[in-house]
Amino acid sequence: MKRIQAACIMQTLRFQQTDNAGLPTDMLYKHNEDELNRYKAQLDKNKTRYRINEESRQPDGSIIVRIRKEYNSRADVGKYFD
């Protein structure tokens, strides 16, 4: 029988505005940072453990985030977050 000893999800997320018609890049960054902060707040509210590996701004105003987060609260994340 197999049992999962440790698990996590690794994701690459792109926060990007779809209706960016003519908005300055600074404003796009602001909107995308706000959306990213709401995403983090939701993870915190749900008590989902996560670690951001990389967060980078793109020339088009989007933000790319590479994140590791727990699969579910019952699965141990083991050494993934060390």
PDB file of N, CA and C in Angstrom:
ATOM      1  N   MET A   1       0.845  -1.168   0.000  1.00  0.00           N
ATOM      2  CA  MET A   1       0.000   0.000   0.000  1.00  0.00           C
ATOM      3  C   MET A   1       0.899   1.242   0.000  1.00  0.00           C
ATOM      4  N   LYS A   2       0.518   2.226  -0.749  1.00  0.00           N
ATOM      5  CA  LYS A   2       1.295   3.469  -0.769  1.00  0.00           C
ATOM      6  C   LYS A   2       0.591   4.532   0.061  1.00  0.00           C
ATOM      7  N   ARG A   3       1.400   5.370   0.657  1.00  0.00           N
ATOM      8  CA  ARG A   3       0.888   6.507   1.420  1.00  0.00           C
ATOM      9  C   ARG A   3       1.732   7.723   1.077  1.00  0.00           C
ATOM     10  N   ILE A   4       1.080   8.845   0.968  1.00  0.00           N
ATOM     11  CA  ILE A   4       1.791  10.084   0.691  1.00  0.00           C
ATOM     12  C   ILE A   4       2.442  10.549   1.986  1.00  0.00           C
ATOM     13  N   GLN A   5       3.741  10.750   1.947  1.00  0.00           N
ATOM     14  CA  GLN A   5       4.447  11.215   3.130  1.00  0.00           C
ATOM     15  C   GLN A   5       4.525  12.729   3.184  1.00  0.00           C
ATOM     16  N   ALA A   6       4.658  13.362   2.039  1.00  0.00           N
ATOM     17  CA  ALA A   6       4.711  14.815   1.983  1.00  0.00           C
ATOM     18  C   ALA A   6       4.245  15.254   0.597  1.00  0.00           C
ATOM     19  N   ALA A   7       3.588  16.420   0.548  1.00  0.00           N
ATOM     20  CA  ALA A   7       3.089  16.915  -0.738  1.00  0.00           C
ATOM     21  C   ALA A   7       2.961  18.426  -0.708  1.00  0.00           C
ATOM     22  N   CYS A   8       3.167  19.021  -1.861  1.00  0.00           N
ATOM     23  CA  CYS A   8       2.882  20.440  -2.036  1.00  0.00           C
ATOM     24  C   CYS A   8       2.618  20.683  -3.515  1.00  0.00           C
ATOM     25  N   ILE A   9       2.073  21.830  -3.811  1.00  0.00           N
ATOM     26  CA  ILE A   9       1.787  22.223  -5.188  1.00  0.00           C
ATOM     27  C   ILE A   9       2.761  23.339  -5.547  1.00  0.00           C
ATOM     28  N   MET A  10       3.378  23.208  -6.698  1.00  0.00           N
ATOM     29  CA  MET A  10       4.242  24.274  -7.203  1.00  0.00           C
ATOM     30  C   MET A  10       3.519  24.897  -8.393  1.00  0.00           C
ATOM     31  N   GLN A  11       3.322  26.211  -8.337  1.00  0.00           N
ATOM     32  CA  GLN A  11       2.579  26.894  -9.382  1.00  0.00           C
ATOM     33  C   GLN A  11       3.350  28.119  -9.869  1.00  0.00           C
ATOM     34  N   THR A  12       3.108  28.474 -11.113  1.00  0.00           N
ATOM     35  CA  THR A  12       3.551  29.748 -11.657  1.00  0.00           C
ATOM     36  C   THR A  12       2.283  30.507 -12.031  1.00  0.00           C
ATOM     37  N   LEU A  13       2.083  31.637 -11.386  1.00  0.00           N
ATOM     38  CA  LEU A  13       0.879  32.440 -11.594  1.00  0.00           C
ATOM     39  C   LEU A  13       1.263  33.749 -12.267  1.00  0.00           C
ATOM     40  N   ARG A  14       0.420  34.190 -13.169  1.00  0.00           N
ATOM     41  CA  ARG A  14       0.626  35.490 -13.821  1.00  0.00           C
ATOM     42  C   ARG A  14      -0.557  36.379 -13.477  1.00  0.00           C
ATOM     43  N   PHE A  15      -0.283  37.479 -12.793  1.00  0.00           N
ATOM     44  CA  PHE A  15      -1.312  38.453 -12.465  1.00  0.00           C
ATOM     45  C   PHE A  15      -1.259  39.524 -13.543  1.00  0.00           C
ATOM     46  N   GLN A  16      -2.339  39.588 -14.331  1.00  0.00           N
ATOM     47  CA  GLN A  16      -2.351  40.449 -15.509  1.00  0.00           C
ATOM     48  C   GLN A  16      -3.762  40.986 -15.716  1.00  0.00           C
ATOM     49  N   GLN A  17      -3.858  42.251 -16.005  1.00  0.00           N
ATOM     50  CA  GLN A  17      -5.152  42.868 -16.276  1.00  0.00           C
ATOM     51  C   GLN A  17      -5.549  42.600 -17.720  1.00  0.00           C
ATOM     52  N   THR A  18      -6.778  42.177 -17.930  1.00  0.00           N
ATOM     53  CA  THR A  18      -7.241  41.898 -19.291  1.00  0.00           C
ATOM     54  C   THR A  18      -7.708  43.175 -20.004  1.00  0.00           C
ATOM     55  N   ASP A  19      -8.170  44.135 -19.232  1.00  0.00           N
ATOM     56  CA  ASP A  19      -8.680  45.374 -19.834  1.00  0.00           C
ATOM     57  C   ASP A  19      -7.674  46.513 -19.620  1.00  0.00           C
ATOM     58  N   ASN A  20      -6.470  46.354 -20.163  1.00  0.00           N
ATOM     59  CA  ASN A  20      -5.401  47.322 -19.931  1.00  0.00           C
ATOM     60  C   ASN A  20      -5.286  48.355 -21.039  1.00  0.00           C
ATOM     61  N   ALA A  21      -6.355  48.651 -21.696  1.00  0.00           N
ATOM     62  CA  ALA A  21      -6.341  49.551 -22.861  1.00  0.00           C
ATOM     63  C   ALA A  21      -5.763  50.915 -22.501  1.00  0.00           C
ATOM     64  N   GLY A  22      -4.500  51.113 -22.859  1.00  0.00           N
ATOM     65  CA  GLY A  22      -3.885  52.415 -22.714  1.00  0.00           C
ATOM     66  C   GLY A  22      -3.493  52.822 -21.309  1.00  0.00           C
ATOM     67  N   LEU A  23      -3.600  51.946 -20.326  1.00  0.00           N
ATOM     68  CA  LEU A  23      -3.219  52.306 -18.964  1.00  0.00           C
ATOM     69  C   LEU A  23      -1.700  52.357 -18.850  1.00  0.00           C
ATOM     70  N   PRO A  24      -1.184  53.312 -18.078  1.00  0.00           N
ATOM     71  CA  PRO A  24       0.266  53.365 -17.878  1.00  0.00           C
ATOM     72  C   PRO A  24       0.753  52.133 -17.107  1.00  0.00           C
ATOM     73  N   THR A  25       1.995  51.766 -17.347  1.00  0.00           N
ATOM     74  CA  THR A  25       2.565  50.570 -16.725  1.00  0.00           C
ATOM     75  C   THR A  25       2.519  50.641 -15.208  1.00  0.00           C
ATOM     76  N   ASP A  26       2.754  51.824 -14.637  1.00  0.00           N
ATOM     77  CA  ASP A  26       2.717  51.966 -13.177  1.00  0.00           C
ATOM     78  C   ASP A  26       1.340  51.619 -12.626  1.00  0.00           C
ATOM     79  N   MET A  27       0.306  52.033 -13.330  1.00  0.00           N
ATOM     80  CA  MET A  27      -1.051  51.743 -12.884  1.00  0.00           C
ATOM     81  C   MET A  27      -1.350  50.237 -13.010  1.00  0.00           C
ATOM     82  N   LEU A  28      -0.843  49.629 -14.077  1.00  0.00           N
ATOM     83  CA  LEU A  28      -1.026  48.181 -14.238  1.00  0.00           C
ATOM     84  C   LEU A  28      -0.354  47.427 -13.104  1.00  0.00           C
ATOM     85  N   TYR A  29       0.876  47.838 -12.749  1.00  0.00           N
ATOM     86  CA  TYR A  29       1.568  47.213 -11.619  1.00  0.00           C
ATOM     87  C   TYR A  29       0.743  47.344 -10.343  1.00  0.00           C
ATOM     88  N   LYS A  30       0.175  48.515 -10.127  1.00  0.00           N
ATOM     89  CA  LYS A  30      -0.634  48.755  -8.920  1.00  0.00           C
ATOM     90  C   LYS A  30      -1.834  47.815  -8.877  1.00  0.00           C
ATOM     91  N   HIS A  31      -2.558  47.692  -9.997  1.00  0.00           N
ATOM     92  CA  HIS A  31      -3.717  46.801 -10.052  1.00  0.00           C
ATOM     93  C   HIS A  31      -3.297  45.346  -9.809  1.00  0.00           C
ATOM     94  N   ASN A  32      -2.194  44.947 -10.429  1.00  0.00           N
ATOM     95  CA  ASN A  32      -1.742  43.565 -10.294  1.00  0.00           C
ATOM     96  C   ASN A  32      -1.206  43.282  -8.898  1.00  0.00           C
ATOM     97  N   GLU A  33      -0.535  44.250  -8.285  1.00  0.00           N
ATOM     98  CA  GLU A  33      -0.079  44.075  -6.902  1.00  0.00           C
ATOM     99  C   GLU A  33      -1.269  43.954  -5.958  1.00  0.00           C
ATOM    100  N   ASP A  34      -2.309  44.749  -6.195  1.00  0.00           N
ATOM    101  CA  ASP A  34      -3.521  44.658  -5.378  1.00  0.00           C
ATOM    102  C   ASP A  34      -4.145  43.266  -5.495  1.00  0.00           C
ATOM    103  N   GLU A  35      -4.204  42.752  -6.724  1.00  0.00           N
ATOM    104  CA  GLU A  35      -4.769  41.423  -6.931  1.00  0.00           C
ATOM    105  C   GLU A  35      -3.909  40.349  -6.256  1.00  0.00           C
ATOM    106  N   LEU A  36      -2.597  40.485  -6.355  1.00  0.00           N
ATOM    107  CA  LEU A  36      -1.681  39.553  -5.699  1.00  0.00           C
ATOM    108  C   LEU A  36      -1.853  39.602  -4.182  1.00  0.00           C
ATOM    109  N   ASN A  37      -1.997  40.795  -3.632  1.00  0.00           N
ATOM    110  CA  ASN A  37      -2.203  40.926  -2.183  1.00  0.00           C
ATOM    111  C   ASN A  37      -3.524  40.307  -1.744  1.00  0.00           C
ATOM    112  N   ARG A  38      -4.567  40.427  -2.560  1.00  0.00           N
ATOM    113  CA  ARG A  38      -5.848  39.770  -2.246  1.00  0.00           C
ATOM    114  C   ARG A  38      -5.683  38.256  -2.269  1.00  0.00           C
ATOM    115  N   TYR A  39      -4.904  37.746  -3.229  1.00  0.00           N
ATOM    116  CA  TYR A  39      -4.648  36.306  -3.332  1.00  0.00           C
ATOM    117  C   TYR A  39      -3.922  35.813  -2.077  1.00  0.00           C
ATOM    118  N   LYS A  40      -2.895  36.549  -1.645  1.00  0.00           N
ATOM    119  CA  LYS A  40      -2.158  36.170  -0.438  1.00  0.00           C
ATOM    120  C   LYS A  40      -3.058  36.233   0.785  1.00  0.00           C
ATOM    121  N   ALA A  41      -3.893  37.261   0.867  1.00  0.00           N
ATOM    122  CA  ALA A  41      -4.808  37.392   2.000  1.00  0.00           C
ATOM    123  C   ALA A  41      -5.786  36.218   2.052  1.00  0.00           C
ATOM    124  N   GLN A  42      -6.240  35.758   0.881  1.00  0.00           N
ATOM    125  CA  GLN A  42      -7.143  34.608   0.831  1.00  0.00           C
ATOM    126  C   GLN A  42      -6.433  33.346   1.306  1.00  0.00           C
ATOM    127  N   LEU A  43      -5.179  33.171   0.899  1.00  0.00           N
ATOM    128  CA  LEU A  43      -4.405  32.027   1.387  1.00  0.00           C
ATOM    129  C   LEU A  43      -4.254  32.084   2.903  1.00  0.00           C
ATOM    130  N   ASP A  44      -3.949  33.276   3.423  1.00  0.00           N
ATOM    131  CA  ASP A  44      -3.806  33.448   4.873  1.00  0.00           C
ATOM    132  C   ASP A  44      -5.125  33.187   5.591  1.00  0.00           C
ATOM    133  N   LYS A  45      -6.211  33.698   5.037  1.00  0.00           N
ATOM    134  CA  LYS A  45      -7.533  33.504   5.647  1.00  0.00           C
ATOM    135  C   LYS A  45      -7.887  32.025   5.723  1.00  0.00           C
ATOM    136  N   ASN A  46      -7.549  31.278   4.668  1.00  0.00           N
ATOM    137  CA  ASN A  46      -7.829  29.838   4.643  1.00  0.00           C
ATOM    138  C   ASN A  46      -6.767  29.021   5.379  1.00  0.00           C
ATOM    139  N   LYS A  47      -5.772  29.725   5.943  1.00  0.00           N
ATOM    140  CA  LYS A  47      -4.672  29.079   6.676  1.00  0.00           C
ATOM    141  C   LYS A  47      -3.923  28.078   5.814  1.00  0.00           C
ATOM    142  N   THR A  48      -3.750  28.439   4.542  1.00  0.00           N
ATOM    143  CA  THR A  48      -2.973  27.633   3.606  1.00  0.00           C
ATOM    144  C   THR A  48      -1.515  28.057   3.721  1.00  0.00           C
ATOM    145  N   ARG A  49      -0.663  27.109   4.060  1.00  0.00           N
ATOM    146  CA  ARG A  49       0.762  27.431   4.138  1.00  0.00           C
ATOM    147  C   ARG A  49       1.317  27.573   2.726  1.00  0.00           C
ATOM    148  N   TYR A  50       2.151  28.597   2.523  1.00  0.00           N
ATOM    149  CA  TYR A  50       2.726  28.821   1.205  1.00  0.00           C
ATOM    150  C   TYR A  50       4.076  29.512   1.344  1.00  0.00           C
ATOM    151  N   ARG A  51       4.859  29.426   0.312  1.00  0.00           N
ATOM    152  CA  ARG A  51       6.136  30.122   0.240  1.00  0.00           C
ATOM    153  C   ARG A  51       6.310  30.616  -1.188  1.00  0.00           C
ATOM    154  N   ILE A  52       6.577  31.890  -1.325  1.00  0.00           N
ATOM    155  CA  ILE A  52       6.803  32.464  -2.649  1.00  0.00           C
ATOM    156  C   ILE A  52       8.281  32.315  -2.980  1.00  0.00           C
ATOM    157  N   ASN A  53       8.555  31.598  -4.061  1.00  0.00           N
ATOM    158  CA  ASN A  53       9.937  31.375  -4.491  1.00  0.00           C
ATOM    159  C   ASN A  53      10.475  32.558  -5.282  1.00  0.00           C
ATOM    160  N   GLU A  54       9.600  33.153  -6.090  1.00  0.00           N
ATOM    161  CA  GLU A  54      10.043  34.258  -6.950  1.00  0.00           C
ATOM    162  C   GLU A  54       8.842  35.118  -7.303  1.00  0.00           C
ATOM    163  N   GLU A  55       9.076  36.404  -7.344  1.00  0.00           N
ATOM    164  CA  GLU A  55       8.043  37.365  -7.732  1.00  0.00           C
ATOM    165  C   GLU A  55       8.724  38.376  -8.651  1.00  0.00           C
ATOM    166  N   SER A  56       8.289  38.454  -9.899  1.00  0.00           N
ATOM    167  CA  SER A  56       8.973  39.351 -10.829  1.00  0.00           C
ATOM    168  C   SER A  56       7.975  40.169 -11.637  1.00  0.00           C
ATOM    169  N   ARG A  57       8.319  41.431 -11.805  1.00  0.00           N
ATOM    170  CA  ARG A  57       7.525  42.340 -12.636  1.00  0.00           C
ATOM    171  C   ARG A  57       7.933  42.169 -14.083  1.00  0.00           C
ATOM    172  N   GLN A  58       6.952  42.243 -14.959  1.00  0.00           N
ATOM    173  CA  GLN A  58       7.191  42.097 -16.389  1.00  0.00           C
ATOM    174  C   GLN A  58       7.014  43.460 -17.066  1.00  0.00           C
ATOM    175  N   PRO A  59       7.649  43.660 -18.211  1.00  0.00           N
ATOM    176  CA  PRO A  59       7.545  44.956 -18.907  1.00  0.00           C
ATOM    177  C   PRO A  59       6.114  45.344 -19.289  1.00  0.00           C
ATOM    178  N   ASP A  60       5.229  44.364 -19.425  1.00  0.00           N
ATOM    179  CA  ASP A  60       3.846  44.669 -19.811  1.00  0.00           C
ATOM    180  C   ASP A  60       2.963  45.035 -18.619  1.00  0.00           C
ATOM    181  N   GLY A  61       3.542  45.111 -17.414  1.00  0.00           N
ATOM    182  CA  GLY A  61       2.775  45.475 -16.225  1.00  0.00           C
ATOM    183  C   GLY A  61       2.273  44.291 -15.435  1.00  0.00           C
ATOM    184  N   SER A  62       2.462  43.091 -15.930  1.00  0.00           N
ATOM    185  CA  SER A  62       2.021  41.902 -15.202  1.00  0.00           C
ATOM    186  C   SER A  62       3.069  41.497 -14.167  1.00  0.00           C
ATOM    187  N   ILE A  63       2.661  40.627 -13.260  1.00  0.00           N
ATOM    188  CA  ILE A  63       3.554  40.114 -12.219  1.00  0.00           C
ATOM    189  C   ILE A  63       3.505  38.596 -12.275  1.00  0.00           C
ATOM    190  N   ILE A  64       4.670  37.975 -12.340  1.00  0.00           N
ATOM    191  CA  ILE A  64       4.748  36.508 -12.349  1.00  0.00           C
ATOM    192  C   ILE A  64       5.231  36.060 -10.980  1.00  0.00           C
ATOM    193  N   VAL A  65       4.513  35.097 -10.411  1.00  0.00           N
ATOM    194  CA  VAL A  65       4.828  34.585  -9.083  1.00  0.00           C
ATOM    195  C   VAL A  65       5.003  33.081  -9.161  1.00  0.00           C
ATOM    196  N   ARG A  66       6.106  32.603  -8.625  1.00  0.00           N
ATOM    197  CA  ARG A  66       6.326  31.162  -8.479  1.00  0.00           C
ATOM    198  C   ARG A  66       6.135  30.849  -7.010  1.00  0.00           C
ATOM    199  N   ILE A  67       5.197  29.949  -6.733  1.00  0.00           N
ATOM    200  CA  ILE A  67       4.766  29.708  -5.366  1.00  0.00           C
ATOM    201  C   ILE A  67       4.700  28.212  -5.068  1.00  0.00           C
ATOM    202  N   ARG A  68       5.040  27.853  -3.836  1.00  0.00           N
ATOM    203  CA  ARG A  68       4.819  26.502  -3.319  1.00  0.00           C
ATOM    204  C   ARG A  68       3.755  26.631  -2.237  1.00  0.00           C
ATOM    205  N   LYS A  69       2.754  25.803  -2.299  1.00  0.00           N
ATOM    206  CA  LYS A  69       1.731  25.860  -1.254  1.00  0.00           C
ATOM    207  C   LYS A  69       1.283  24.457  -0.897  1.00  0.00           C
ATOM    208  N   GLU A  70       0.739  24.345   0.312  1.00  0.00           N
ATOM    209  CA  GLU A  70       0.318  23.026   0.763  1.00  0.00           C
ATOM    210  C   GLU A  70      -0.830  22.517  -0.086  1.00  0.00           C
ATOM    211  N   TYR A  71      -0.850  21.215  -0.277  1.00  0.00           N
ATOM    212  CA  TYR A  71      -1.873  20.575  -1.095  1.00  0.00           C
ATOM    213  C   TYR A  71      -3.213  20.620  -0.382  1.00  0.00           C
ATOM    214  N   ASN A  72      -3.226  20.198   0.846  1.00  0.00           N
ATOM    215  CA  ASN A  72      -4.392  20.347   1.723  1.00  0.00           C
ATOM    216  C   ASN A  72      -3.894  20.295   3.155  1.00  0.00           C
ATOM    217  N   SER A  73      -4.731  20.636   4.095  1.00  0.00           N
ATOM    218  CA  SER A  73      -4.283  20.750   5.482  1.00  0.00           C
ATOM    219  C   SER A  73      -3.956  19.403   6.113  1.00  0.00           C
ATOM    220  N   ARG A  74      -4.390  18.318   5.504  1.00  0.00           N
ATOM    221  CA  ARG A  74      -4.104  16.992   6.076  1.00  0.00           C
ATOM    222  C   ARG A  74      -2.763  16.430   5.609  1.00  0.00           C
ATOM    223  N   ALA A  75      -2.258  16.918   4.477  1.00  0.00           N
ATOM    224  CA  ALA A  75      -1.003  16.394   3.933  1.00  0.00           C
ATOM    225  C   ALA A  75       0.168  17.217   4.479  1.00  0.00           C
ATOM    226  N   ASP A  76       1.151  16.537   5.013  1.00  0.00           N
ATOM    227  CA  ASP A  76       2.354  17.184   5.518  1.00  0.00           C
ATOM    228  C   ASP A  76       3.149  17.758   4.335  1.00  0.00           C
ATOM    229  N   VAL A  77       3.726  18.954   4.526  1.00  0.00           N
ATOM    230  CA  VAL A  77       4.547  19.529   3.468  1.00  0.00           C
ATOM    231  C   VAL A  77       6.006  19.114   3.604  1.00  0.00           C
ATOM    232  N   GLY A  78       6.315  18.387   4.646  1.00  0.00           N
ATOM    233  CA  GLY A  78       7.656  17.847   4.829  1.00  0.00           C
ATOM    234  C   GLY A  78       8.728  18.909   4.733  1.00  0.00           C
ATOM    235  N   LYS A  79       9.769  18.634   3.989  1.00  0.00           N
ATOM    236  CA  LYS A  79      10.896  19.557   3.866  1.00  0.00           C
ATOM    237  C   LYS A  79      10.738  20.535   2.701  1.00  0.00           C
ATOM    238  N   TYR A  80       9.585  20.536   2.053  1.00  0.00           N
ATOM    239  CA  TYR A  80       9.373  21.428   0.922  1.00  0.00           C
ATOM    240  C   TYR A  80       9.491  22.903   1.305  1.00  0.00           C
ATOM    241  N   PHE A  81       9.197  23.236   2.548  1.00  0.00           N
ATOM    242  CA  PHE A  81       9.231  24.632   2.973  1.00  0.00           C
ATOM    243  C   PHE A  81      10.484  24.981   3.757  1.00  0.00           C
ATOM    244  N   ASP A  82      11.419  24.054   3.908  1.00  0.00           N
ATOM    245  CA  ASP A  82      12.679  24.322   4.632  1.00  0.00           C
ATOM    246  C   ASP A  82      13.595  25.187   3.792  1.00  0.00           C
TER     247      ASP A  82
END
